Amino acid sequence: MVDALDGAPGVYSARYGGLDTDEERCAYLLKNLENVPDDKRGARFVCTIHFIDTDGSEIAVEGKVCGSINREPVGENGFGYDPVFMYEGRSFAEIPAEEKNAVSHRGDALKKLVNELKMKKA
């Protein structure tokens, strides 16, 4: 979710611009942000998990990691928007997988879900 694009690409990130590859989507994102100043390039990865238990009860959690969009791709690791998503001075494509997983939106959401499930069973 990119602030300067009113939250786009959001849930459409895998289909952003109708393009087929991660590289094309990153290039399209950068093109759409080319005239946006650095201080307006805030962004976040968001993961929402909705769990429905066998008794019909529901738990919804959301994980986030905040950063910004760089002006060019950097790094060799990761996938999707990782090469352009900057977190604490590095792109997600530069951060080792173990470190990235510790701060990622998916990991954050899963930790929250586990905590909710533990509280439910208590």
Protein backbone atom coordinates (compact mmCIF):
# COMPACT_ATOMS: atom_id res chain seq x y z
CA MET A 1 0.00 0.00 0.00
CA VAL A 2 1.59 3.24 -1.18
CA ASP A 3 0.49 6.49 0.44
CA ALA A 4 1.02 8.67 -2.64
CA LEU A 5 -1.16 6.26 -4.68
CA ASP A 6 -4.06 6.27 -2.19
CA GLY A 7 -3.13 2.77 -0.98
CA ALA A 8 -2.57 1.21 -4.42
CA PRO A 9 -1.66 -1.38 -5.42
CA GLY A 10 -3.16 -2.81 -2.21
CA VAL A 11 -5.00 -6.10 -2.64
CA TYR A 12 -4.32 -5.87 -6.37
CA SER A 13 -0.55 -6.00 -5.95
CA ALA A 14 -0.19 -9.28 -7.91
CA ARG A 15 -2.24 -7.84 -10.78
CA TYR A 16 -1.03 -4.23 -10.60
CA GLY A 17 -1.08 -2.57 -14.01
CA GLY A 18 -2.27 -5.80 -15.63
CA LEU A 19 1.37 -6.86 -15.83
CA ASP A 20 2.74 -10.40 -15.61
CA THR A 21 6.04 -10.25 -13.75
CA ASP A 22 7.34 -8.83 -10.49
CA GLU A 23 9.92 -6.81 -12.42
CA GLU A 24 7.25 -5.25 -14.65
CA ARG A 25 5.05 -4.40 -11.67
CA CYS A 26 7.97 -2.82 -9.79
CA ALA A 27 8.88 -0.76 -12.86
CA TYR A 28 5.24 0.32 -13.24
CA LEU A 29 5.10 1.32 -9.57
CA LEU A 30 8.31 3.34 -9.90
CA LYS A 31 6.98 5.03 -13.05
CA ASN A 32 3.82 6.04 -11.17
CA LEU A 33 5.96 7.51 -8.39
CA GLU A 34 8.67 9.16 -10.48
CA ASN A 35 7.56 12.72 -9.63
CA VAL A 36 6.77 11.98 -5.98
CA PRO A 37 9.31 13.44 -3.52
CA ASP A 38 11.13 11.09 -1.17
CA ASP A 39 9.22 12.29 1.90
CA LYS A 40 5.89 11.34 0.25
CA ARG A 41 6.86 7.78 -0.74
CA GLY A 42 5.64 6.08 2.43
CA ALA A 43 4.38 2.53 2.00
CA ARG A 44 3.51 -0.58 3.93
CA PHE A 45 3.06 -4.26 3.37
CA VAL A 46 -0.17 -5.48 4.96
CA CYS A 47 -1.38 -9.02 5.64
CA THR A 48 -4.86 -9.82 6.94
CA ILE A 49 -5.75 -13.28 8.20
CA HIS A 50 -9.32 -14.25 8.93
CA PHE A 51 -9.62 -17.51 10.88
CA ILE A 52 -12.92 -19.34 11.26
CA ASP A 53 -12.90 -22.09 13.87
CA THR A 54 -14.98 -25.27 13.71
CA ASP A 55 -17.44 -23.73 16.20
CA GLY A 56 -18.05 -20.82 13.83
CA SER A 57 -16.16 -18.28 15.94
CA GLU A 58 -13.94 -15.91 13.99
CA ILE A 59 -10.64 -14.18 14.55
CA ALA A 60 -9.33 -11.42 12.27
CA VAL A 61 -5.78 -10.10 12.60
CA GLU A 62 -3.67 -7.71 10.58
CA GLY A 63 0.09 -7.48 10.30
CA LYS A 64 2.01 -4.51 8.90
CA VAL A 65 5.51 -3.43 8.16
CA CYS A 66 6.07 0.22 7.29
CA GLY A 67 8.70 1.63 5.00
CA SER A 68 8.98 3.59 1.77
CA ILE A 69 9.41 3.04 -1.95
CA ASN A 70 12.92 3.52 -3.31
CA ARG A 71 13.65 5.17 -6.65
CA GLU A 72 15.13 1.99 -8.12
CA PRO A 73 15.25 -1.74 -7.34
CA VAL A 74 18.03 -2.85 -4.99
CA GLY A 75 19.03 -6.34 -3.84
CA GLU A 76 18.84 -9.89 -5.11
CA ASN A 77 16.63 -11.67 -2.56
CA GLY A 78 12.91 -11.78 -2.05
CA PHE A 79 10.10 -11.41 -4.56
CA GLY A 80 7.31 -9.06 -5.53
CA TYR A 81 7.99 -5.50 -4.43
CA ASP A 82 10.88 -6.45 -2.11
CA PRO A 83 13.54 -4.78 -4.32
CA VAL A 84 11.81 -1.37 -4.11
CA PHE A 85 10.42 -1.56 -0.56
CA MET A 86 12.83 0.12 1.85
CA TYR A 87 12.90 -0.82 5.52
CA GLU A 88 15.37 0.79 7.91
CA GLY A 89 17.74 1.83 5.13
CA ARG A 90 17.71 -1.42 3.15
CA SER A 91 15.36 -2.94 0.63
CA PHE A 92 13.50 -6.08 1.62
CA ALA A 93 15.52 -7.76 -1.16
CA GLU A 94 18.74 -6.93 0.72
CA ILE A 95 17.63 -8.25 4.10
CA PRO A 96 18.42 -11.92 4.88
CA ALA A 97 15.31 -14.12 4.93
CA GLU A 98 15.49 -14.85 8.67
CA GLU A 99 15.66 -11.14 9.53
CA LYS A 100 12.94 -10.24 7.03
CA ASN A 101 10.62 -12.94 8.38
CA ALA A 102 11.06 -11.56 11.89
CA VAL A 103 9.65 -8.16 10.86
CA SER A 104 7.41 -9.05 7.92
CA HIS A 105 3.71 -8.33 7.68
CA ARG A 106 2.96 -12.04 7.30
CA GLY A 107 5.01 -12.94 10.35
CA ASP A 108 3.36 -10.14 12.33
CA ALA A 109 -0.12 -11.35 11.37
CA LEU A 110 0.73 -14.98 12.18
CA LYS A 111 2.13 -14.02 15.61
CA LYS A 112 -1.07 -12.13 16.35
CA LEU A 113 -3.20 -15.08 15.25
CA VAL A 114 -1.22 -17.50 17.43
CA ASN A 115 -1.65 -15.16 20.41
CA GLU A 116 -5.41 -14.88 19.80
CA LEU A 117 -5.72 -18.67 19.54
CA LYS A 118 -3.78 -19.14 22.77
CA MET A 119 -6.03 -16.64 24.57
CA LYS A 120 -9.10 -18.38 23.19
CA LYS A 121 -7.97 -21.74 24.59
CA ALA A 122 -7.06 -20.27 27.98
